[in-house]
Amino acid sequence: MITAETIKQYIENSLPCELVQIEGDDGYHFQAIIVSSEFRGKRTIQQHQLVYQALGEKMGQDIHALSMRTYTPEEWTARI
């Protein structure tokens, strides 16, 4: 069973991030907040695709559901 910490590590190892927060306690369904400068100029679907690429085969196999909120650093700062 995959953990939130493992998902965080996969994302951080493949995508430069300022912040990655992963929650989920059943081992299959997770929620994520991801802040990355790589998201600049990309639509939400493109941002999510970058995260899915970082997770590779884990999506659909070990991770059954991942709800994401993705932000550029500027968008994240503006929300605080």
C-alpha atoms as a PDB file:
ATOM      1  CA  MET A   1       0.000   0.000   0.000  1.00  0.00           C
ATOM      2  CA  ILE A   2       1.321   3.445  -0.939  1.00  0.00           C
ATOM      3  CA  THR A   3       1.542   6.266   1.583  1.00  0.00           C
ATOM      4  CA  ALA A   4       1.076  10.029   1.338  1.00  0.00           C
ATOM      5  CA  GLU A   5       4.792  10.461   2.072  1.00  0.00           C
ATOM      6  CA  THR A   6       5.733   8.153  -0.803  1.00  0.00           C
ATOM      7  CA  ILE A   7       3.542  10.129  -3.210  1.00  0.00           C
ATOM      8  CA  LYS A   8       5.142  13.342  -1.994  1.00  0.00           C
ATOM      9  CA  GLN A   9       8.605  11.917  -2.654  1.00  0.00           C
ATOM     10  CA  TYR A  10       7.685  10.799  -6.187  1.00  0.00           C
ATOM     11  CA  ILE A  11       6.392  14.266  -7.024  1.00  0.00           C
ATOM     12  CA  GLU A  12       9.333  16.107  -5.451  1.00  0.00           C
ATOM     13  CA  ASN A  13      11.853  13.838  -7.211  1.00  0.00           C
ATOM     14  CA  SER A  14      10.351  14.510 -10.643  1.00  0.00           C
ATOM     15  CA  LEU A  15       9.053  18.059 -10.450  1.00  0.00           C
ATOM     16  CA  PRO A  16      10.670  21.137  -8.888  1.00  0.00           C
ATOM     17  CA  CYS A  17       8.205  22.176  -6.188  1.00  0.00           C
ATOM     18  CA  GLU A  18       8.028  24.904  -3.608  1.00  0.00           C
ATOM     19  CA  LEU A  19       5.369  22.994  -1.668  1.00  0.00           C
ATOM     20  CA  VAL A  20       3.849  19.513  -1.759  1.00  0.00           C
ATOM     21  CA  GLN A  21       1.186  18.537   0.763  1.00  0.00           C
ATOM     22  CA  ILE A  22      -0.440  15.125   0.468  1.00  0.00           C
ATOM     23  CA  GLU A  23      -3.240  13.803   2.654  1.00  0.00           C
ATOM     24  CA  GLY A  24      -5.073  10.515   2.637  1.00  0.00           C
ATOM     25  CA  ASP A  25      -5.573   7.813   5.188  1.00  0.00           C
ATOM     26  CA  ASP A  26      -7.009   4.839   3.353  1.00  0.00           C
ATOM     27  CA  GLY A  27      -3.981   4.088   1.167  1.00  0.00           C
ATOM     28  CA  TYR A  28      -5.846   4.569  -2.128  1.00  0.00           C
ATOM     29  CA  HIS A  29      -7.499   8.007  -2.163  1.00  0.00           C
ATOM     30  CA  PHE A  30      -5.394  11.125  -1.696  1.00  0.00           C
ATOM     31  CA  GLN A  31      -5.681  14.912  -1.785  1.00  0.00           C
ATOM     32  CA  ALA A  32      -2.763  17.099  -2.863  1.00  0.00           C
ATOM     33  CA  ILE A  33      -1.712  20.728  -2.869  1.00  0.00           C
ATOM     34  CA  ILE A  34       1.241  21.292  -5.170  1.00  0.00           C
ATOM     35  CA  VAL A  35       3.045  24.581  -5.806  1.00  0.00           C
ATOM     36  CA  SER A  36       5.568  24.665  -8.635  1.00  0.00           C
ATOM     37  CA  SER A  37       7.095  27.254 -10.942  1.00  0.00           C
ATOM     38  CA  GLU A  38       6.722  24.598 -13.676  1.00  0.00           C
ATOM     39  CA  PHE A  39       2.996  25.372 -13.688  1.00  0.00           C
ATOM     40  CA  ARG A  40       3.499  28.934 -14.975  1.00  0.00           C
ATOM     41  CA  GLY A  41       1.737  29.533 -18.283  1.00  0.00           C
ATOM     42  CA  LYS A  42       0.005  26.143 -18.204  1.00  0.00           C
ATOM     43  CA  ARG A  43      -3.677  25.393 -17.945  1.00  0.00           C
ATOM     44  CA  THR A  44      -4.892  23.344 -15.004  1.00  0.00           C
ATOM     45  CA  ILE A  45      -5.131  20.166 -17.071  1.00  0.00           C
ATOM     46  CA  GLN A  46      -1.515  20.600 -18.201  1.00  0.00           C
ATOM     47  CA  GLN A  47      -0.419  21.136 -14.599  1.00  0.00           C
ATOM     48  CA  HIS A  48      -2.180  17.953 -13.542  1.00  0.00           C
ATOM     49  CA  GLN A  49      -0.588  16.058 -16.418  1.00  0.00           C
ATOM     50  CA  LEU A  50       2.859  17.069 -15.117  1.00  0.00           C
ATOM     51  CA  VAL A  51       1.957  15.568 -11.736  1.00  0.00           C
ATOM     52  CA  TYR A  52       0.590  12.395 -13.350  1.00  0.00           C
ATOM     53  CA  GLN A  53       3.852  12.055 -15.298  1.00  0.00           C
ATOM     54  CA  ALA A  54       5.783  12.358 -12.036  1.00  0.00           C
ATOM     55  CA  LEU A  55       3.727   9.532 -10.548  1.00  0.00           C
ATOM     56  CA  GLY A  56       3.967   7.336 -13.642  1.00  0.00           C
ATOM     57  CA  GLU A  57       2.550   3.835 -13.255  1.00  0.00           C
ATOM     58  CA  LYS A  58       1.561   4.468  -9.645  1.00  0.00           C
ATOM     59  CA  MET A  59      -1.527   6.282 -10.938  1.00  0.00           C
ATOM     60  CA  GLY A  60      -4.276   3.785 -11.547  1.00  0.00           C
ATOM     61  CA  GLN A  61      -2.371   0.954  -9.893  1.00  0.00           C
ATOM     62  CA  ASP A  62      -1.388   1.968  -6.373  1.00  0.00           C
ATOM     63  CA  ILE A  63      -3.201   5.318  -6.350  1.00  0.00           C
ATOM     64  CA  HIS A  64      -6.869   4.985  -7.234  1.00  0.00           C
ATOM     65  CA  ALA A  65      -7.791   8.640  -6.778  1.00  0.00           C
ATOM     66  CA  LEU A  66      -5.765  11.815  -6.439  1.00  0.00           C
ATOM     67  CA  SER A  67      -7.582  15.104  -6.016  1.00  0.00           C
ATOM     68  CA  MET A  68      -5.190  17.950  -6.810  1.00  0.00           C
ATOM     69  CA  ARG A  69      -5.032  21.677  -6.334  1.00  0.00           C
ATOM     70  CA  THR A  70      -2.082  23.065  -8.280  1.00  0.00           C
ATOM     71  CA  TYR A  71      -0.671  26.578  -8.037  1.00  0.00           C
ATOM     72  CA  THR A  72       2.191  28.669  -9.315  1.00  0.00           C
ATOM     73  CA  PRO A  73       4.217  30.298  -6.519  1.00  0.00           C
ATOM     74  CA  GLU A  74       2.519  33.607  -7.309  1.00  0.00           C
ATOM     75  CA  GLU A  75      -0.969  32.096  -7.118  1.00  0.00           C
ATOM     76  CA  TRP A  76      -0.087  30.397  -3.830  1.00  0.00           C
ATOM     77  CA  THR A  77       1.278  33.605  -2.303  1.00  0.00           C
ATOM     78  CA  ALA A  78      -1.825  35.539  -3.402  1.00  0.00           C
ATOM     79  CA  ARG A  79      -4.095  33.086  -1.542  1.00  0.00           C
ATOM     80  CA  ILE A  80      -2.337  33.547   1.794  1.00  0.00           C
END
